[in-house]
Amino acid sequence: MEVLGFVAAEVPAALARQVAGLEAGVWPGAAPGHDPALTPRVMLLVDGAGAVAAALALLYKEIPLAGRTYRAAGLSAVVTRPELRGRGLGGRLVAAAHAELAADPAVDVALFSCDRPLAPFYEAAGFAQLPGTVLVGGTPGEPLATDAPGFDKAVLAAFFTDTGDRDREAFTGVRVPLHSGPVDRLW
């Protein structure tokens, strides 16, 4: 298995079709793709025959918080082929995403939400929960927060700055104005 990364618009057609099929199986009816304003990158775990075993998207934007503007990245649309689940492949891809973000000098923080039962999966790949933190996605006029009724979301992060402990404090127990837009309302 090999990890491949692409700018979203440059994913080879055969791989893009496989990713679209995987996503449609998990999120039926969801529009494919991501908002180009979030500079999406796609990471894939592909076997030797060219079959996509797992996929995810990395989305990027600046987030103003605590008197500073953070260069943030988020994980989105993390999916593993159903018949391959439970073999550690999704975890391998998420760990590769963590490593890529940690090595990117343009990223201060990786920040995203997931269903609470999935938090240990992401923690095993190097992310940590932010207790009491709420991501407010959508737009300022039409927000979508991770504490909205019916949601049971955990917020996870990894900090890649020289002031990581201080930055973690700034993001813990607060409402973070993610405002990721109308397409990727919560990444």
Protein backbone atom coordinates (compact mmCIF):
# COMPACT_ATOMS: atom_id res chain seq x y z
CA MET A 1 0.00 0.00 0.00
CA GLU A 2 1.19 3.47 -0.88
CA VAL A 3 0.09 6.88 0.38
CA LEU A 4 -0.51 9.33 -2.46
CA GLY A 5 -1.33 13.03 -2.17
CA PHE A 6 -2.89 15.35 -4.73
CA VAL A 7 -4.34 18.80 -5.07
CA ALA A 8 -8.05 17.88 -5.24
CA ALA A 9 -8.48 19.13 -8.80
CA GLU A 10 -5.57 16.95 -9.96
CA VAL A 11 -6.64 13.54 -8.63
CA PRO A 12 -6.45 11.08 -11.56
CA ALA A 13 -9.94 10.29 -12.86
CA ALA A 14 -9.85 6.57 -12.00
CA LEU A 15 -8.90 7.31 -8.39
CA ALA A 16 -11.41 10.18 -8.13
CA ARG A 17 -14.23 7.84 -9.24
CA GLN A 18 -13.26 5.34 -6.55
CA VAL A 19 -13.19 8.04 -3.88
CA ALA A 20 -16.58 9.36 -5.00
CA GLY A 21 -17.99 5.85 -4.76
CA LEU A 22 -16.59 5.32 -1.26
CA GLU A 23 -17.94 8.67 -0.07
CA ALA A 24 -21.37 8.05 -1.62
CA GLY A 25 -21.56 4.74 0.25
CA VAL A 26 -20.94 6.46 3.60
CA TRP A 27 -22.69 9.80 3.00
CA PRO A 28 -25.45 9.10 0.45
CA GLY A 29 -26.85 12.23 -1.17
CA ALA A 30 -23.91 14.43 -0.17
CA ALA A 31 -22.48 16.56 -2.95
CA PRO A 32 -19.06 15.31 -4.03
CA GLY A 33 -15.96 17.44 -3.69
CA HIS A 34 -14.89 20.30 -1.46
CA ASP A 35 -14.97 24.07 -1.58
CA PRO A 36 -12.00 25.25 -3.69
CA ALA A 37 -11.67 28.25 -1.33
CA LEU A 38 -10.40 25.76 1.30
CA THR A 39 -7.52 24.65 -0.97
CA PRO A 40 -8.42 20.96 -0.69
CA ARG A 41 -5.77 18.25 -0.92
CA VAL A 42 -6.67 14.58 -1.17
CA MET A 43 -4.66 11.81 0.46
CA LEU A 44 -5.20 8.23 -0.63
CA LEU A 45 -3.98 4.83 0.49
CA VAL A 46 -3.75 2.81 -2.73
CA ASP A 47 -2.81 -0.82 -3.25
CA GLY A 48 -0.49 -2.10 -5.99
CA ALA A 49 -3.42 -2.68 -8.35
CA GLY A 50 -4.57 0.95 -8.08
CA ALA A 51 -7.51 0.31 -5.74
CA VAL A 52 -8.20 3.01 -3.16
CA ALA A 53 -8.27 1.43 0.31
CA ALA A 54 -8.78 4.68 2.24
CA ALA A 55 -9.15 8.37 1.47
CA LEU A 56 -9.35 11.72 3.21
CA ALA A 57 -9.27 15.40 2.37
CA LEU A 58 -7.19 18.12 3.97
CA LEU A 59 -8.82 21.56 4.00
CA TYR A 60 -7.07 24.83 4.84
CA LYS A 61 -8.07 28.27 6.10
CA GLU A 62 -7.06 30.97 8.54
CA ILE A 63 -8.85 31.15 11.88
CA PRO A 64 -8.80 34.28 14.06
CA LEU A 65 -8.70 33.38 17.75
CA ALA A 66 -7.34 34.93 20.95
CA GLY A 67 -5.82 37.95 19.19
CA ARG A 68 -3.97 35.86 16.61
CA THR A 69 -4.66 34.40 13.19
CA TYR A 70 -3.87 30.69 13.00
CA ARG A 71 -3.14 28.86 9.77
CA ALA A 72 -5.38 25.85 10.19
CA ALA A 73 -5.91 22.57 8.39
CA GLY A 74 -8.70 20.11 8.93
CA LEU A 75 -9.37 16.50 8.10
CA SER A 76 -12.54 15.82 6.16
CA ALA A 77 -14.27 12.90 4.47
CA VAL A 78 -12.13 10.21 6.10
CA VAL A 79 -13.28 6.90 4.66
CA THR A 80 -11.99 3.31 4.37
CA ARG A 81 -13.30 0.73 1.92
CA PRO A 82 -15.90 -1.22 3.97
CA GLU A 83 -14.40 -4.67 3.37
CA LEU A 84 -10.97 -3.42 4.54
CA ARG A 85 -12.09 -1.80 7.80
CA GLY A 86 -10.52 -3.02 11.01
CA ARG A 87 -7.10 -3.63 9.44
CA GLY A 88 -5.49 -0.34 10.46
CA LEU A 89 -5.50 1.15 6.97
CA GLY A 90 -7.57 4.21 7.85
CA GLY A 91 -5.37 4.80 10.87
CA ARG A 92 -2.29 4.55 8.68
CA LEU A 93 -3.68 7.21 6.34
CA VAL A 94 -4.71 9.52 9.19
CA ALA A 95 -1.24 9.17 10.74
CA ALA A 96 0.28 10.06 7.34
CA ALA A 97 -1.96 13.14 7.22
CA HIS A 98 -0.78 14.13 10.70
CA ALA A 99 2.86 13.76 9.59
CA GLU A 100 2.26 15.79 6.43
CA LEU A 101 0.61 18.61 8.38
CA ALA A 102 3.35 18.57 11.04
CA ALA A 103 5.99 18.95 8.31
CA ASP A 104 4.16 21.84 6.59
CA PRO A 105 5.55 25.18 7.82
CA ALA A 106 2.35 26.88 6.59
CA VAL A 107 0.19 24.99 9.14
CA ASP A 108 -0.05 26.07 12.78
CA VAL A 109 -2.84 23.75 13.86
CA ALA A 110 -4.81 20.76 12.61
CA LEU A 111 -8.36 21.07 13.90
CA PHE A 112 -11.49 19.04 13.14
CA SER A 113 -14.48 17.32 14.67
CA CYS A 114 -15.68 13.75 14.57
CA ASP A 115 -18.40 11.61 16.09
CA ARG A 116 -17.40 11.11 19.71
CA PRO A 117 -16.96 7.30 19.45
CA LEU A 118 -14.32 7.89 16.72
CA ALA A 119 -12.10 10.12 18.90
CA PRO A 120 -9.80 7.24 20.04
CA PHE A 121 -9.14 6.37 16.38
CA TYR A 122 -7.82 9.89 15.74
CA GLU A 123 -5.96 10.03 19.06
CA ALA A 124 -4.04 6.90 18.03
CA ALA A 125 -2.81 8.87 14.98
CA GLY A 126 -1.45 11.76 17.06
CA PHE A 127 -4.41 14.09 17.55
CA ALA A 128 -5.77 15.09 20.97
CA GLN A 129 -9.25 16.02 22.12
CA LEU A 130 -9.91 19.61 23.15
CA PRO A 131 -12.29 19.40 26.12
CA GLY A 132 -15.17 21.83 25.96
CA THR A 133 -14.19 23.18 22.55
CA VAL A 134 -16.90 23.81 19.97
CA LEU A 135 -16.22 24.38 16.27
CA VAL A 136 -18.61 26.83 14.65
CA GLY A 137 -18.69 26.06 10.96
CA GLY A 138 -20.95 27.15 8.15
CA THR A 139 -21.04 30.89 7.70
CA PRO A 140 -21.55 33.71 10.22
CA GLY A 141 -25.10 34.12 8.87
CA GLU A 142 -25.82 30.36 8.84
CA PRO A 143 -23.58 28.79 11.49
CA LEU A 144 -23.35 25.08 12.24
CA ALA A 145 -21.78 24.23 15.57
CA THR A 146 -20.49 20.91 16.86
CA ASP A 147 -22.75 21.32 19.91
CA ALA A 148 -25.91 21.72 17.80
CA PRO A 149 -28.90 19.65 18.93
CA GLY A 150 -28.53 16.05 17.85
CA PHE A 151 -24.76 16.27 17.43
CA ASP A 152 -22.37 14.30 19.61
CA LYS A 153 -19.06 15.62 18.31
CA ALA A 154 -15.56 15.66 19.75
CA VAL A 155 -13.10 18.33 18.63
CA LEU A 156 -9.54 17.15 18.02
CA ALA A 157 -6.35 19.03 17.28
CA ALA A 158 -2.61 18.91 16.88
CA PHE A 159 -0.45 22.01 17.29
CA PHE A 160 2.64 22.57 15.18
CA THR A 161 3.96 25.88 16.54
CA ASP A 162 6.78 26.71 18.93
CA THR A 163 4.08 27.84 21.35
CA GLY A 164 1.99 24.68 21.15
CA ASP A 165 1.02 24.55 24.83
CA ARG A 166 -0.12 28.18 24.81
CA ASP A 167 -1.97 27.64 21.54
CA ARG A 168 -3.68 24.53 22.92
CA GLU A 169 -4.89 26.64 25.84
CA ALA A 170 -6.29 29.25 23.43
CA PHE A 171 -8.33 26.55 21.65
CA THR A 172 -9.52 24.65 24.74
CA GLY A 173 -13.01 25.22 26.12
CA VAL A 174 -13.95 27.93 23.61
CA ARG A 175 -16.14 28.39 20.54
CA VAL A 176 -13.80 28.46 17.55
CA PRO A 177 -15.02 30.53 14.56
CA LEU A 178 -14.15 27.98 11.88
CA HIS A 179 -16.74 29.33 9.40
CA SER A 180 -15.67 26.87 6.74
CA GLY A 181 -18.45 27.97 4.38
CA PRO A 182 -21.64 26.54 2.91
CA VAL A 183 -20.02 23.52 1.17
CA ASP A 184 -17.77 22.05 3.88
CA ARG A 185 -19.91 23.33 6.73
CA LEU A 186 -17.92 21.37 9.31
CA TRP A 187 -14.73 19.78 8.25
